[in-house]
Every structure is written in structure tokens, then in C-alpha cells.
């Protein structure tokens, strides 16, 4: 017991946080020759210190192009895995290894493998929100930004498995007229929005425009005047003449929307109940404190087997080539 208490005391001394975390992180960034990549759904403090903020596609593009020795990925596990796949010789850090993804978790590799084997003549198009193991089983990766474009480039006679998000898959089917074989996965955040409450909000704010991410349920998408990726939603708010928006995606993006269009009003789409379930619990595991400690200790590090990394790299490169 004494040993355990001493270890905890030592760790507490070692992990004392500086008063100015922003300045301390900047110092560590220079020491590590690091780049900080952050998703739009991260806490505002993390977004404000990041070198680049983006959606899954933009973050993958930045990870592929960086000259940094260390990539600090403020996002979720599959995003950091993608950075490691593209940069096998770089140190890739994730502030909290438990920052997973409900959508990625809904497609276990041991269940997807026999599903794929049962349809040997289909090509596999996988949404980037999946594990490295699923990417390794895929022919091409897509994001919500380019899923429609990628499917349209595949010959019409070719069968397609689309994984893991059934809602994005349905949206792609509607946009392309293609018959896709869908894996029945979903994102807990984008399924929690209440259609009833959004309709009530629109009655309360008749001037508001509903914009939504294609991971949302079809019954909600039918109320949206614009559907697009996270980056597309951000750009749309900047150019739309409307002044009030109801945002049907993870509300972390509203921080950037307010910075880019400070005179406009952004209302997060409400969840079914009274919890904060419209916030991704995995994204919110990362904090500025954890980011600092990850850089200080060079851990937690993303590690992948060479077999998975090599198999997953080519479908990611195909995605990047298609944009």
C-alpha cells in the first residue's frame, strides 16, 4: 500500500500542470517538432490551440502532407490510426486512448469479415469512421465529403458493400440511384436528434434554416434545406444569406461557425431527452490538460501492426486521390 501511495504521489508531482497550458504546449510543440490536428467536435480550447482544424477528410490530407516529426491528434482513435497509417515513422499521439467512436465500434472486424466473404463479387467502400482493421478489408475509403463522388466513379454493374454507416449509405443511395449493400452501423450522436423538437424549434424560429450531416436519420434529413459534411456545413453558414441556423450535427462545430460568422445565430439540434447526448462522449474525453500530458510524456502513442497498416494504406490513398 505504501508503494502504491508513493507512486501516486510521485506521479502527481510529475504531472503538475503549468499555469499557462497554451504557452507550455507551444514550448513542447517546438521541442517535438509537432503538429496539432484537431477535429471540429473538440472542445473550443483544443480547437484554438490546434495548427489545423478540420473534418475527417481534411485531417487525413493534413496528416499525409505534414513534415512534422510528431502528430498530436485531438480527435478519436480511428482518426489517429489514419494518421499513423499514412506516417508509419512518425510519433502519433492521442490525448486519451479511450476516445473511440460508436460508429467504428458498430462494425467489429470479426463480424464484418464473414459478411464481406459472403459477397465476394462486391467492392467494399468504407466510410473513414471505421477501425484500421476494417480499412484493411476495404477497397476504397470515403468521407461524407466525397462518398457520392466515389460511388459515382464505380461502374454501375459493380456491386458495392457500403460500411459502416447505414444512414450515410442511404443518403448516398438517394443521391446516386445506386443499390448499395449496407452494413447496419450508426453514430449514437447523429441518431439521438429529436425530429419533434427540431420541428418545434423551427416553429419558434421560423426564420431559421435547418442544416444537417448525412449521418443523421432519414426522417430528420427531410427537414434540412442543406445536407453536407462538417466542413460543408461550416462553409454553407458563411455564404448563406440566412442569419439563424439549426445545426443537426455534433455541436462542437458551432465554435468555428461563431468565429467565422459572429453576427449569425447557431442553435444546436436538441436530443430526444434532456441530456447532453448531442455531444460526442468520445470526442469530449480529450482535454487541454490531457493533450499537454501526452506531449510531455510522448504517450499514449498509436501503434499498429505492419500487416494492418500496409493493407489499410492503399484504400486511404485511393480516397485521397479521388478528391
Protein backbone atom coordinates (compact mmCIF):
# COMPACT_ATOMS: atom_id res chain seq x y z
CA UNK A 1 0.00 0.00 0.00
CA UNK A 2 2.88 2.36 0.86
CA UNK A 3 4.47 1.67 -2.54
CA UNK A 4 1.21 2.44 -4.32
CA UNK A 5 0.74 5.67 -2.37
CA UNK A 6 4.33 6.73 -3.10
CA UNK A 7 3.87 6.03 -6.81
CA UNK A 8 0.68 8.08 -6.86
CA UNK A 9 2.41 10.94 -5.03
CA UNK A 10 5.34 10.87 -7.48
CA UNK A 11 3.01 10.80 -10.44
CA UNK A 12 1.03 13.70 -9.04
CA UNK A 13 4.22 15.78 -8.65
CA UNK A 14 5.35 14.83 -12.14
CA UNK A 15 2.01 15.74 -13.68
CA UNK A 16 1.62 19.15 -12.03
CA UNK A 17 0.11 21.36 -14.69
CA UNK A 18 1.63 24.71 -15.63
CA UNK A 19 -0.47 27.80 -15.07
CA UNK A 20 -0.44 28.66 -18.76
CA UNK A 21 -1.21 25.45 -20.66
CA UNK A 22 -1.31 27.23 -24.02
CA UNK A 23 2.25 28.52 -23.58
CA UNK A 24 3.51 25.18 -22.24
CA UNK A 25 2.02 23.31 -25.20
CA UNK A 26 3.69 25.74 -27.60
CA UNK A 27 7.06 25.00 -25.96
CA UNK A 28 6.52 21.25 -26.24
CA UNK A 29 5.43 21.65 -29.84
CA UNK A 30 8.78 23.19 -30.69
CA UNK A 31 10.70 20.52 -28.75
CA UNK A 32 8.87 17.68 -30.51
CA UNK A 33 8.61 19.37 -33.91
CA UNK A 34 4.93 18.57 -33.54
CA UNK A 35 1.76 19.49 -35.36
CA UNK A 36 -1.57 19.51 -33.52
CA UNK A 37 -4.52 18.33 -35.61
CA UNK A 38 -8.00 18.77 -34.15
CA UNK A 39 -11.47 17.78 -35.25
CA UNK A 40 -14.30 20.30 -35.30
CA UNK A 41 -16.01 18.38 -32.49
CA UNK A 42 -13.24 19.00 -29.95
CA UNK A 43 -13.56 21.43 -27.03
CA UNK A 44 -13.05 25.10 -28.00
CA UNK A 45 -9.72 25.33 -26.11
CA UNK A 46 -8.29 22.49 -28.17
CA UNK A 47 -9.61 23.98 -31.39
CA UNK A 48 -8.00 27.30 -30.51
CA UNK A 49 -4.52 25.81 -29.96
CA UNK A 50 -4.59 23.46 -32.97
CA UNK A 51 -2.45 24.07 -36.04
CA UNK A 52 -5.24 22.73 -38.20
CA UNK A 53 -8.95 22.13 -37.53
CA UNK A 54 -10.98 20.05 -39.92
CA UNK A 55 -13.23 17.11 -40.65
CA UNK A 56 -12.02 13.56 -41.30
CA UNK A 57 -11.04 14.22 -44.91
CA UNK A 58 -9.18 17.46 -44.20
CA UNK A 59 -7.38 15.90 -41.24
CA UNK A 60 -6.30 12.92 -43.35
CA UNK A 61 -5.00 15.28 -46.04
CA UNK A 62 -3.02 17.28 -43.47
CA UNK A 63 -1.64 14.12 -41.88
CA UNK A 64 -0.50 12.89 -45.29
CA UNK A 65 1.26 16.16 -46.08
CA UNK A 66 2.88 17.10 -42.76
CA UNK A 67 6.64 17.41 -42.31
CA UNK A 68 6.35 17.30 -38.52
CA UNK A 69 8.08 14.54 -36.56
CA UNK A 70 5.17 14.21 -34.14
CA UNK A 71 1.43 14.31 -34.83
CA UNK A 72 -0.75 15.14 -31.85
CA UNK A 73 -4.24 14.08 -32.87
CA UNK A 74 -7.05 15.71 -30.95
CA UNK A 75 -9.87 13.56 -32.21
CA UNK A 76 -10.89 9.94 -31.85
CA UNK A 77 -8.99 6.68 -32.23
CA UNK A 78 -9.76 5.89 -35.88
CA UNK A 79 -8.56 9.36 -36.92
CA UNK A 80 -5.24 8.93 -35.14
CA UNK A 81 -4.93 5.46 -36.69
CA UNK A 82 -5.34 7.01 -40.13
CA UNK A 83 -2.52 9.44 -39.36
CA UNK A 84 -0.30 6.55 -38.27
CA UNK A 85 -1.14 4.53 -41.39
CA UNK A 86 -0.01 7.46 -43.53
CA UNK A 87 3.03 8.22 -41.32
CA UNK A 88 4.47 4.93 -40.03
CA UNK A 89 7.76 6.50 -38.96
CA UNK A 90 6.25 9.42 -37.03
CA UNK A 91 5.18 9.55 -33.40
CA UNK A 92 1.36 9.80 -33.35
CA UNK A 93 -0.17 10.75 -30.01
CA UNK A 94 -3.81 10.65 -28.92
CA UNK A 95 -4.53 12.51 -25.66
CA UNK A 96 -6.93 9.79 -24.46
CA UNK A 97 -6.78 6.26 -25.91
CA UNK A 98 -10.37 5.71 -24.76
CA UNK A 99 -11.57 8.32 -27.25
CA UNK A 100 -13.23 5.81 -29.53
CA UNK A 101 -16.19 6.04 -31.90
CA UNK A 102 -19.63 4.45 -31.60
CA UNK A 103 -19.85 4.16 -35.39
CA UNK A 104 -16.48 2.41 -35.68
CA UNK A 105 -17.44 0.14 -32.77
CA UNK A 106 -20.65 -0.85 -34.58
CA UNK A 107 -18.58 -2.68 -37.22
CA UNK A 108 -16.42 -5.30 -35.46
CA UNK A 109 -13.81 -6.80 -37.84
CA UNK A 110 -14.63 -10.35 -36.76
CA UNK A 111 -18.25 -9.82 -37.84
CA UNK A 112 -17.53 -7.82 -40.97
CA UNK A 113 -15.08 -10.39 -42.39
CA UNK A 114 -17.72 -13.13 -42.95
CA UNK A 115 -20.18 -10.51 -44.23
CA UNK A 116 -17.65 -9.49 -46.86
CA UNK A 117 -16.80 -13.11 -47.67
CA UNK A 118 -20.48 -13.83 -48.34
CA UNK A 119 -20.42 -11.23 -51.16
CA UNK A 120 -17.11 -11.93 -52.94
CA UNK A 121 -18.00 -10.01 -56.11
CA UNK A 122 -18.72 -6.73 -54.33
CA UNK A 123 -16.19 -3.96 -53.82
CA UNK A 124 -16.04 -2.53 -50.31
CA UNK A 125 -16.43 1.21 -49.86
CA UNK A 126 -15.91 2.08 -46.20
CA UNK A 127 -16.60 5.38 -44.52
CA UNK A 128 -13.45 6.68 -42.85
CA UNK A 129 -15.20 6.38 -39.45
CA UNK A 130 -14.05 2.78 -39.04
CA UNK A 131 -11.15 0.93 -37.47
CA UNK A 132 -7.83 0.28 -39.19
CA UNK A 133 -8.81 -3.39 -39.41
CA UNK A 134 -11.95 -2.51 -41.41
CA UNK A 135 -9.96 -0.17 -43.63
CA UNK A 136 -7.60 -3.08 -44.31
CA UNK A 137 -10.59 -5.09 -45.59
CA UNK A 138 -11.79 -2.28 -47.83
CA UNK A 139 -11.15 -1.41 -51.47
CA UNK A 140 -11.56 2.33 -51.02
CA UNK A 141 -12.24 4.69 -48.13
CA UNK A 142 -14.60 7.66 -48.39
CA UNK A 143 -15.73 10.54 -46.22
CA UNK A 144 -19.05 12.34 -46.10
CA UNK A 145 -17.42 14.95 -48.35
CA UNK A 146 -16.68 12.59 -51.23
CA UNK A 147 -18.80 9.44 -50.72
CA UNK A 148 -21.21 10.34 -53.53
CA UNK A 149 -18.35 11.16 -55.91
CA UNK A 150 -16.54 7.90 -55.16
CA UNK A 151 -19.63 5.74 -55.62
CA UNK A 152 -20.44 7.52 -58.89
CA UNK A 153 -16.98 6.60 -60.19
CA UNK A 154 -17.60 2.87 -59.71
CA UNK A 155 -19.14 1.10 -62.76
CA UNK A 156 -22.91 0.75 -62.42
CA UNK A 157 -22.82 -3.03 -62.88
CA UNK A 158 -20.41 -3.44 -59.97
CA UNK A 159 -21.92 -4.49 -56.65
CA UNK A 160 -20.91 -2.35 -53.67
CA UNK A 161 -20.78 -3.03 -49.95
CA UNK A 162 -21.02 0.25 -48.04
CA UNK A 163 -19.86 0.24 -44.43
CA UNK A 164 -20.22 1.01 -41.62
CA UNK A 165 -22.83 3.82 -41.54
CA UNK A 166 -26.28 2.89 -42.80
CA UNK A 167 -27.51 6.50 -42.70
CA UNK A 168 -24.70 7.86 -44.87
CA UNK A 169 -25.19 4.80 -47.09
CA UNK A 170 -28.89 5.56 -47.53
CA UNK A 171 -28.07 9.17 -48.36
CA UNK A 172 -25.52 8.04 -50.97
CA UNK A 173 -28.09 5.66 -52.47
CA UNK A 174 -30.58 8.52 -52.76
CA UNK A 175 -28.03 10.83 -54.38
CA UNK A 176 -26.57 8.28 -56.81
CA UNK A 177 -29.52 6.00 -57.56
CA UNK A 178 -27.25 3.03 -56.76
CA UNK A 179 -28.33 -0.07 -54.86
CA UNK A 180 -25.76 -0.47 -52.08
CA UNK A 181 -25.43 -3.39 -49.70
CA UNK A 182 -25.36 -1.61 -46.34
CA UNK A 183 -23.70 -2.63 -43.10
CA UNK A 184 -26.10 -1.71 -40.29
CA UNK A 185 -23.87 0.60 -38.27
CA UNK A 186 -24.65 4.07 -36.92
CA UNK A 187 -23.40 7.01 -34.84
CA UNK A 188 -25.07 7.46 -31.45
CA UNK A 189 -24.83 11.25 -31.70
CA UNK A 190 -26.44 11.60 -35.11
CA UNK A 191 -29.23 9.18 -34.19
CA UNK A 192 -30.17 10.97 -30.97
CA UNK A 193 -31.61 14.16 -32.51
CA UNK A 194 -35.33 14.60 -31.92
CA UNK A 195 -37.39 15.24 -35.05
CA UNK A 196 -40.26 16.51 -32.89
CA UNK A 197 -38.08 19.01 -31.03
CA UNK A 198 -36.45 20.24 -34.23
CA UNK A 199 -39.87 20.90 -35.77
CA UNK A 200 -40.84 22.76 -32.59
CA UNK A 201 -37.64 24.81 -32.85
CA UNK A 202 -38.48 25.73 -36.42
CA UNK A 203 -41.91 26.93 -35.29
CA UNK A 204 -40.22 29.00 -32.58
CA UNK A 205 -37.63 30.34 -35.05
CA UNK A 206 -39.43 30.46 -38.42
CA UNK A 207 -36.52 32.34 -39.97
CA UNK A 208 -34.10 29.52 -39.09
CA UNK A 209 -32.61 27.20 -41.68
CA UNK A 210 -32.07 23.54 -40.73
CA UNK A 211 -28.76 22.11 -41.95
CA UNK A 212 -27.68 18.55 -41.26
CA UNK A 213 -24.91 15.98 -41.56
CA UNK A 214 -25.78 12.94 -43.72
CA UNK A 215 -25.12 10.61 -40.75
CA UNK A 216 -28.49 11.76 -39.38
CA UNK A 217 -31.61 9.61 -39.65
CA UNK A 218 -33.63 9.95 -42.91
CA UNK A 219 -36.69 11.35 -41.09
CA UNK A 220 -34.56 14.23 -39.83
CA UNK A 221 -32.78 14.84 -43.15
CA UNK A 222 -36.08 15.51 -44.87
CA UNK A 223 -36.44 18.69 -42.80
CA UNK A 224 -33.00 20.00 -43.80
CA UNK A 225 -32.61 22.59 -46.53
CA UNK A 226 -28.91 21.71 -46.77
CA UNK A 227 -27.10 18.42 -46.12
CA UNK A 228 -23.33 18.17 -46.09
CA UNK A 229 -20.11 17.19 -44.37
CA UNK A 230 -18.96 19.09 -41.31
CA UNK A 231 -16.74 21.36 -43.39
CA UNK A 232 -19.51 21.86 -45.95
CA UNK A 233 -21.93 22.91 -43.19
CA UNK A 234 -19.38 25.43 -41.90
CA UNK A 235 -18.86 26.93 -45.35
CA UNK A 236 -22.60 27.00 -46.06
CA UNK A 237 -23.29 29.08 -42.94
CA UNK A 238 -20.73 31.65 -44.08
CA UNK A 239 -22.27 32.10 -47.53
CA UNK A 240 -25.99 31.67 -46.81
CA UNK A 241 -28.00 34.90 -46.55
CA UNK A 242 -29.86 33.40 -43.57
CA UNK A 243 -28.99 34.68 -40.10
CA UNK A 244 -30.29 31.80 -37.94
CA UNK A 245 -29.41 28.11 -38.28
CA UNK A 246 -30.44 24.92 -36.53
CA UNK A 247 -27.37 22.67 -36.64
CA UNK A 248 -28.02 18.92 -36.80
CA UNK A 249 -24.57 17.57 -36.10
CA UNK A 250 -22.23 17.45 -33.08
CA UNK A 251 -22.36 20.97 -31.57
CA UNK A 252 -18.59 21.33 -31.31
CA UNK A 253 -18.67 22.75 -34.85
CA UNK A 254 -20.62 25.78 -33.59
CA UNK A 255 -17.43 27.23 -32.08
CA UNK A 256 -15.97 27.62 -35.57
CA UNK A 257 -19.29 28.77 -37.04
CA UNK A 258 -19.46 31.58 -34.50
CA UNK A 259 -15.86 32.58 -35.21
CA UNK A 260 -16.43 32.66 -38.97
CA UNK A 261 -19.85 34.35 -38.84
CA UNK A 262 -20.08 36.17 -35.47
CA UNK A 263 -23.23 38.08 -36.39
CA UNK A 264 -25.24 34.92 -37.02
CA UNK A 265 -27.14 32.70 -34.57
CA UNK A 266 -26.48 28.95 -34.35
CA UNK A 267 -28.85 26.66 -32.46
CA UNK A 268 -27.76 23.07 -31.76
CA UNK A 269 -30.34 20.46 -32.71
CA UNK A 270 -31.75 19.02 -29.47
CA UNK A 271 -31.55 15.34 -28.49
CA UNK A 272 -34.55 13.13 -27.72
CA UNK A 273 -34.19 13.57 -23.95
CA UNK A 274 -32.80 16.30 -21.70
CA UNK A 275 -29.21 15.04 -21.54
CA UNK A 276 -26.18 16.35 -23.44
CA UNK A 277 -26.41 13.34 -25.76
CA UNK A 278 -25.92 15.51 -28.85
CA UNK A 279 -22.29 15.87 -27.70
CA UNK A 280 -19.97 13.02 -28.66
CA UNK A 281 -18.81 11.47 -25.36
CA UNK A 282 -15.68 10.08 -27.05
CA UNK A 283 -14.59 13.40 -28.58
CA UNK A 284 -15.05 15.11 -25.22
CA UNK A 285 -12.64 12.72 -23.47
CA UNK A 286 -9.77 14.76 -24.88
CA UNK A 287 -8.93 17.84 -22.82
CA UNK A 288 -6.27 20.53 -22.98
CA UNK A 289 -4.68 19.02 -19.87
CA UNK A 290 -4.51 15.54 -21.42
CA UNK A 291 -3.08 17.00 -24.62
CA UNK A 292 -0.31 18.68 -22.63
CA UNK A 293 0.49 15.50 -20.69
CA UNK A 294 0.52 13.39 -23.87
CA UNK A 295 3.10 15.71 -25.38
CA UNK A 296 5.10 15.85 -22.14
CA UNK A 297 5.27 12.07 -21.76
CA UNK A 298 5.22 11.16 -25.50
CA UNK A 299 2.26 8.90 -24.76
CA UNK A 300 -0.32 7.47 -25.35
CA UNK A 301 1.11 6.50 -28.71
CA UNK A 302 -0.81 4.93 -31.60
CA UNK A 303 0.77 1.61 -32.57
CA UNK A 304 -0.39 -0.59 -35.46
CA UNK A 305 0.80 -3.91 -36.81
CA UNK A 306 2.66 -3.69 -40.12
CA UNK A 307 0.16 -6.08 -41.71
CA UNK A 308 -2.86 -3.91 -40.87
CA UNK A 309 -1.06 -0.68 -41.69
CA UNK A 310 0.06 -1.78 -45.16
CA UNK A 311 -3.34 -3.26 -46.04
CA UNK A 312 -5.18 -0.14 -44.85
CA UNK A 313 -2.91 2.37 -46.58
CA UNK A 314 -3.90 1.72 -50.18
CA UNK A 315 -7.69 2.27 -49.76
CA UNK A 316 -6.93 5.51 -47.89
CA UNK A 317 -4.62 6.65 -50.70
CA UNK A 318 -7.39 5.90 -53.21
CA UNK A 319 -9.68 8.18 -51.21
CA UNK A 320 -7.12 10.99 -51.24
CA UNK A 321 -6.61 10.55 -54.99
CA UNK A 322 -10.36 10.99 -55.56
CA UNK A 323 -10.52 14.46 -54.04
